Amino acid sequence: MKKLLLLFCVLLTIFMTACSSGQFNTYNEDTKFLLKYGFSPEKESSYFDVTIPSDWNIQGTSMPVGLYWTEVNFLSRDIGYNIEKYKGKTVKAVIYRLNEKLPGQGENSKYTYPVNAVILRDGENIIGAWLELNGSTPLSLKKNYIETLTERPWIDWVMSHGFLKEISSPVVDKLTPEELIYAYFNGINKGDKGLIYSTLSIDTLHNMLYINRPEKTLYNTDFEQNSLELNTKSATVLSIEENKGYTPVKNKNIYESKEYKVTVNLTLKSEDNTPTRNGRNTFFFIISKSAKDSPWKIESIGTGP
């Protein structure tokens, strides 16, 4: 009887092992998939739901989510996938931190940066995948940037898809750099996020998709709660001075840029988790044009020149 019981236990163990080995193991499959391109995940990560928008057009009054999907689809197609076929569908996404690092672009090519891999699945099927250099700049799993694939600057690819036209604003696009800065703070005072977005460059909006995004999220859809835009009750511009000695940083995505020293009196909702304080603050605005005929837009806002 004992021998029969022992034999039954052994057979049950073999049966269970066989069944489990036949099950689809997503992490193992993802690891095999990434190894084909020379990458390996640091550790297992869980999938989360993502709804792919049905409309990939963008507006100048909100985050450019359509730009995100057009970009990662372009990079996924470099390895044979087309996310466009899944517009409007809820799928699964995972972000893996990789063991490998990659060099940056241009002047940053002498440095290496951490890399993420993003994989999309519909059921068991991979429908898209790409890399993120330093948690932001996307590139394909073949290590190709959009600039590499098109042999043109990123901004040319953006214009070819009509994104600059889509974010155009008849009113804001006519403003001088100084007027643009006033419009930005006017948007803050009114709580008009659409107006604030319309003052920002496409390059800035693109970066905002990635900066400090929460876990289990592919991209941001709004300003951060402790940002200058959402954490300010009121702002009074005291002075705007152009830095005539400003030397623009080389950037193929910027046609022309200027720097302004802006002094503002702020009343904040909270001084927690922000370097900004109530009262007099000084900011340095880089105002740029993406192309010769483009309007002036805010490229960056810093606390130092």
Protein backbone atom coordinates (compact mmCIF):
# COMPACT_ATOMS: atom_id res chain seq x y z
CA MET A 1 0.00 0.00 0.00
CA LYS A 2 2.82 2.36 0.93
CA LYS A 3 4.61 1.53 -2.33
CA LEU A 4 1.46 2.30 -4.32
CA LEU A 5 1.03 5.61 -2.48
CA LEU A 6 4.67 6.56 -3.13
CA LEU A 7 4.34 5.63 -6.81
CA PHE A 8 1.17 7.73 -7.05
CA CYS A 9 2.98 10.74 -5.54
CA VAL A 10 5.89 10.38 -7.98
CA LEU A 11 3.55 10.09 -10.96
CA LEU A 12 1.55 13.10 -9.74
CA THR A 13 4.75 15.15 -9.42
CA ILE A 14 5.84 14.19 -12.94
CA PHE A 15 2.39 15.05 -14.29
CA MET A 16 2.35 18.45 -12.55
CA THR A 17 5.87 19.25 -13.79
CA ALA A 18 4.95 18.33 -17.34
CA CYS A 19 1.86 20.50 -17.19
CA SER A 20 3.71 23.49 -15.76
CA SER A 21 6.52 23.19 -18.29
CA GLY A 22 3.94 23.34 -21.04
CA GLN A 23 2.40 26.55 -19.75
CA PHE A 24 3.24 29.87 -21.40
CA ASN A 25 5.77 31.70 -19.22
CA THR A 26 5.73 35.35 -20.29
CA TYR A 27 8.96 36.32 -18.54
CA ASN A 28 10.87 33.40 -20.08
CA GLU A 29 9.48 34.24 -23.51
CA ASP A 30 10.33 37.92 -23.09
CA THR A 31 13.86 36.99 -22.03
CA LYS A 32 14.30 34.83 -25.14
CA PHE A 33 12.88 37.62 -27.29
CA LEU A 34 15.24 40.27 -25.88
CA LEU A 35 18.26 37.96 -26.14
CA LYS A 36 17.75 37.86 -29.92
CA TYR A 37 18.72 41.54 -29.93
CA GLY A 38 21.55 41.22 -27.42
CA PHE A 39 19.66 42.38 -24.31
CA SER A 40 18.61 40.78 -21.02
CA PRO A 41 16.23 41.99 -18.28
CA GLU A 42 17.61 42.70 -14.80
CA LYS A 43 14.61 41.01 -13.19
CA GLU A 44 11.03 39.99 -13.79
CA SER A 45 8.46 42.76 -14.11
CA SER A 46 4.68 42.55 -14.24
CA TYR A 47 2.49 43.51 -17.16
CA PHE A 48 -0.17 46.23 -16.95
CA ASP A 49 -3.12 47.25 -19.09
CA VAL A 50 -2.69 49.90 -21.77
CA THR A 51 -5.39 51.20 -24.09
CA ILE A 52 -3.97 52.21 -27.45
CA PRO A 53 -5.78 55.38 -28.60
CA SER A 54 -7.80 55.11 -31.79
CA ASP A 55 -6.77 58.64 -32.83
CA TRP A 56 -3.05 59.46 -33.03
CA ASN A 57 -3.48 63.10 -33.98
CA ILE A 58 -2.36 65.65 -31.37
CA GLN A 59 -3.50 69.08 -30.22
CA GLY A 60 -1.58 72.07 -28.93
CA THR A 61 -3.68 72.14 -25.76
CA SER A 62 -2.77 68.77 -24.23
CA MET A 63 0.02 66.21 -23.95
CA PRO A 64 1.03 64.80 -27.37
CA VAL A 65 -0.03 61.20 -26.76
CA GLY A 66 -0.47 60.62 -30.49
CA LEU A 67 3.16 61.60 -31.04
CA TYR A 68 4.19 58.95 -28.52
CA TRP A 69 2.30 56.17 -30.31
CA THR A 70 3.38 57.26 -33.79
CA GLU A 71 6.99 57.27 -32.62
CA VAL A 72 7.03 53.88 -30.87
CA ASN A 73 5.11 52.33 -33.75
CA PHE A 74 7.74 53.64 -36.18
CA LEU A 75 10.44 52.04 -34.02
CA SER A 76 8.50 48.78 -33.61
CA ARG A 77 8.21 48.51 -37.38
CA ASP A 78 12.02 48.43 -37.52
CA ILE A 79 11.74 44.89 -36.10
CA GLY A 80 8.62 43.88 -38.01
CA TYR A 81 5.67 44.91 -35.80
CA ASN A 82 2.79 47.30 -36.50
CA ILE A 83 0.95 48.64 -33.44
CA GLU A 84 -1.36 50.67 -35.67
CA LYS A 85 -3.48 47.57 -36.28
CA TYR A 86 -4.45 47.58 -32.58
CA LYS A 87 -5.77 51.15 -32.35
CA GLY A 88 -8.59 51.42 -29.82
CA LYS A 89 -7.73 48.09 -28.17
CA THR A 90 -6.63 47.41 -24.59
CA VAL A 91 -3.43 45.35 -24.54
CA LYS A 92 -0.72 44.42 -22.04
CA ALA A 93 2.57 46.30 -21.59
CA VAL A 94 5.71 45.66 -19.57
CA ILE A 95 8.81 47.76 -18.93
CA TYR A 96 12.06 45.91 -18.18
CA ARG A 97 15.21 47.52 -16.85
CA LEU A 98 18.04 45.89 -18.82
CA ASN A 99 21.46 44.70 -17.70
CA GLU A 100 23.07 46.41 -20.68
CA LYS A 101 23.82 50.11 -21.18
CA LEU A 102 24.05 52.09 -24.41
CA PRO A 103 25.95 55.24 -25.45
CA GLY A 104 24.09 58.51 -25.85
CA GLN A 105 23.70 60.52 -29.03
CA GLY A 106 26.02 63.16 -30.45
CA GLU A 107 28.14 64.84 -27.79
CA ASN A 108 26.83 62.33 -25.22
CA SER A 109 28.10 59.33 -27.19
CA LYS A 110 31.15 59.09 -24.89
CA TYR A 111 28.83 58.26 -21.97
CA THR A 112 26.68 55.18 -21.42
CA TYR A 113 23.17 55.24 -20.01
CA PRO A 114 20.69 52.74 -18.54
CA VAL A 115 18.20 51.22 -20.94
CA ASN A 116 14.61 49.98 -20.63
CA ALA A 117 12.82 47.60 -22.96
CA VAL A 118 9.08 47.99 -23.53
CA ILE A 119 7.05 45.06 -24.86
CA LEU A 120 3.38 45.09 -25.86
CA ARG A 121 1.36 41.89 -26.04
CA ASP A 122 -2.13 41.07 -27.22
CA GLY A 123 -2.74 37.80 -25.42
CA GLU A 124 0.44 35.77 -25.93
CA ASN A 125 1.42 37.62 -29.10
CA ILE A 126 3.98 40.42 -29.16
CA ILE A 127 2.57 43.35 -31.14
CA GLY A 128 5.27 45.97 -30.52
CA ALA A 129 8.57 46.51 -28.72
CA TRP A 130 11.23 49.21 -28.39
CA LEU A 131 13.95 50.59 -26.11
CA GLU A 132 14.13 53.69 -23.92
CA LEU A 133 17.56 55.24 -23.40
CA ASN A 134 17.88 56.75 -19.92
CA GLY A 135 14.14 56.30 -19.37
CA SER A 136 13.18 58.71 -22.14
CA THR A 137 14.74 58.75 -25.62
CA PRO A 138 13.11 55.92 -27.62
CA LEU A 139 14.97 53.76 -30.11
CA SER A 140 14.37 50.41 -31.77
CA LEU A 141 15.61 47.06 -30.49
CA LYS A 142 18.11 47.19 -33.34
CA LYS A 143 19.54 50.28 -31.58
CA ASN A 144 18.26 52.60 -34.31
CA TYR A 145 16.98 56.07 -33.45
CA ILE A 146 14.44 57.84 -35.65
CA GLU A 147 17.34 60.00 -36.86
CA THR A 148 19.23 56.83 -37.85
CA LEU A 149 16.31 55.32 -39.73
CA THR A 150 15.35 58.52 -41.56
CA GLU A 151 18.87 59.99 -41.90
CA ARG A 152 17.31 63.31 -40.91
CA PRO A 153 16.92 65.27 -37.63
CA TRP A 154 14.05 64.18 -35.36
CA ILE A 155 12.22 67.47 -35.95
CA ASP A 156 12.06 66.73 -39.70
CA TRP A 157 10.30 63.44 -38.95
CA VAL A 158 7.91 65.32 -36.63
CA MET A 159 7.11 67.86 -39.36
CA SER A 160 6.67 65.13 -41.98
CA HIS A 161 3.84 63.70 -39.85
CA GLY A 162 2.19 67.10 -39.56
CA PHE A 163 2.60 67.38 -35.78
CA LEU A 164 3.81 71.00 -35.83
CA LYS A 165 0.71 72.00 -37.78
CA GLU A 166 -1.51 70.06 -35.39
CA ILE A 167 -0.23 71.97 -32.34
CA SER A 168 -0.45 75.37 -34.02
CA SER A 169 -2.44 78.10 -32.23
CA PRO A 170 -3.64 81.15 -34.23
CA VAL A 171 -3.28 83.42 -31.19
CA VAL A 172 -0.20 82.08 -29.39
CA ASP A 173 1.80 81.51 -32.57
CA LYS A 174 1.86 85.28 -33.26
CA LEU A 175 3.45 86.17 -29.92
CA THR A 176 6.95 87.55 -29.41
CA PRO A 177 9.20 85.70 -26.93
CA GLU A 178 8.35 88.20 -24.19
CA GLU A 179 4.61 87.95 -24.90
CA LEU A 180 4.91 84.16 -24.87
CA ILE A 181 6.36 84.22 -21.35
CA TYR A 182 3.50 86.45 -20.18
CA ALA A 183 1.01 84.06 -21.83
CA TYR A 184 2.57 81.10 -20.00
CA PHE A 185 2.10 82.74 -16.59
CA ASN A 186 -1.34 84.00 -17.62
CA GLY A 187 -2.29 80.38 -18.25
CA ILE A 188 -1.05 79.46 -14.77
CA ASN A 189 -3.06 82.27 -13.16
CA LYS A 190 -6.23 81.24 -15.01
CA GLY A 191 -5.71 77.52 -14.44
CA ASP A 192 -5.87 77.20 -18.22
CA LYS A 193 -3.75 74.14 -19.00
CA GLY A 194 -4.61 74.38 -22.68
CA LEU A 195 -3.03 77.84 -22.86
CA ILE A 196 0.06 76.63 -20.97
CA TYR A 197 0.51 73.66 -23.32
CA SER A 198 0.19 75.94 -26.35
CA THR A 199 3.25 77.95 -25.23
CA LEU A 200 5.53 74.88 -25.06
CA SER A 201 7.70 73.49 -27.85
CA ILE A 202 7.09 70.06 -29.36
CA ASP A 203 10.50 68.98 -28.03
CA THR A 204 9.52 70.02 -24.48
CA LEU A 205 6.14 68.30 -24.75
CA HIS A 206 7.86 65.14 -25.97
CA ASN A 207 10.22 65.14 -22.99
CA MET A 208 7.31 65.69 -20.61
CA LEU A 209 5.77 62.41 -21.74
CA TYR A 210 8.60 60.57 -19.97
CA ILE A 211 9.87 62.74 -17.10
CA ASN A 212 9.01 61.31 -13.65
CA ARG A 213 6.26 59.08 -15.00
CA PRO A 214 4.66 56.77 -12.39
CA GLU A 215 5.36 53.04 -12.31
CA LYS A 216 3.28 50.82 -14.59
CA THR A 217 2.79 53.75 -16.96
CA LEU A 218 4.08 54.24 -20.50
CA TYR A 219 3.73 58.03 -20.54
CA ASN A 220 2.42 61.03 -18.63
CA THR A 221 -0.89 62.57 -19.60
CA ASP A 222 -0.68 65.73 -17.48
CA PHE A 223 1.68 68.03 -15.58
CA GLU A 224 3.10 66.76 -12.29
CA GLN A 225 1.18 67.83 -9.18
CA ASN A 226 4.21 69.64 -7.72
CA SER A 227 5.09 71.31 -11.04
CA LEU A 228 5.22 75.07 -11.44
CA GLU A 229 2.17 74.81 -13.68
CA LEU A 230 -0.12 73.05 -11.17
CA ASN A 231 1.41 74.11 -7.85
CA THR A 232 1.12 77.89 -8.36
CA LYS A 233 -1.85 79.86 -7.02
CA SER A 234 -0.76 83.13 -8.60
CA ALA A 235 2.21 84.53 -10.49
CA THR A 236 3.14 88.16 -11.14
CA VAL A 237 5.87 88.79 -13.71
CA LEU A 238 8.15 91.53 -12.37
CA SER A 239 10.70 91.71 -15.19
CA ILE A 240 11.89 90.00 -18.38
CA GLU A 241 15.45 90.55 -19.61
CA GLU A 242 17.02 88.98 -22.69
CA ASN A 243 20.52 87.60 -22.27
CA LYS A 244 22.28 89.15 -25.26
CA GLY A 245 25.40 87.09 -24.60
CA TYR A 246 23.57 83.76 -24.74
CA THR A 247 25.28 81.07 -26.82
CA PRO A 248 22.78 78.44 -27.99
CA VAL A 249 23.59 74.79 -27.40
CA LYS A 250 23.97 72.81 -30.63
CA ASN A 251 20.67 71.05 -31.29
CA LYS A 252 19.54 69.85 -34.72
CA ASN A 253 15.92 70.05 -33.56
CA ILE A 254 16.13 73.80 -32.89
CA TYR A 255 16.47 76.40 -35.64
CA GLU A 256 16.92 79.44 -33.37
CA SER A 257 16.82 80.11 -29.63
CA LYS A 258 17.09 82.96 -27.12
CA GLU A 259 17.48 83.11 -23.34
CA TYR A 260 15.50 85.34 -20.97
CA LYS A 261 15.94 86.04 -17.28
CA VAL A 262 12.45 86.24 -15.78
CA THR A 263 11.73 87.49 -12.26
CA VAL A 264 8.35 86.43 -10.88
CA ASN A 265 6.51 86.82 -7.60
CA LEU A 266 4.84 83.50 -6.78
CA THR A 267 2.21 82.28 -4.36
CA LEU A 268 2.40 78.49 -4.20
CA LYS A 269 -0.16 75.92 -3.12
CA SER A 270 2.61 74.01 -1.31
CA GLU A 271 6.36 74.37 -0.76
CA ASP A 272 6.77 70.62 -0.26
CA ASN A 273 8.79 68.62 -2.80
CA THR A 274 9.69 71.65 -4.91
CA PRO A 275 12.77 73.92 -5.07
CA THR A 276 10.51 76.93 -5.71
CA ARG A 277 9.43 79.10 -2.77
CA ASN A 278 6.76 81.70 -2.12
CA GLY A 279 7.81 85.21 -3.07
CA ARG A 280 10.38 86.45 -5.55
CA ASN A 281 11.83 83.78 -7.88
CA THR A 282 14.15 83.99 -10.88
CA PHE A 283 13.81 81.65 -13.85
CA PHE A 284 15.75 81.33 -17.08
CA PHE A 285 13.58 80.67 -20.13
CA ILE A 286 14.96 79.29 -23.38
CA ILE A 287 12.60 80.36 -26.17
CA SER A 288 13.08 78.59 -29.48
CA LYS A 289 11.91 78.02 -33.03
CA SER A 290 11.81 74.45 -34.34
CA ALA A 291 12.16 75.63 -37.95
CA LYS A 292 12.69 78.90 -39.81
CA ASP A 293 8.96 79.58 -40.19
CA SER A 294 7.94 78.12 -36.82
CA PRO A 295 6.50 80.28 -34.02
CA TRP A 296 8.41 80.98 -30.82
CA LYS A 297 7.84 78.36 -28.11
CA ILE A 298 9.19 77.68 -24.61
CA GLU A 299 12.00 75.14 -24.89
CA SER A 300 12.98 74.99 -21.22
CA ILE A 301 12.57 76.71 -17.85
CA GLY A 302 15.45 76.56 -15.39
CA THR A 303 16.58 78.17 -12.17
CA GLY A 304 20.08 78.89 -13.46
CA PRO A 305 21.57 80.19 -16.73
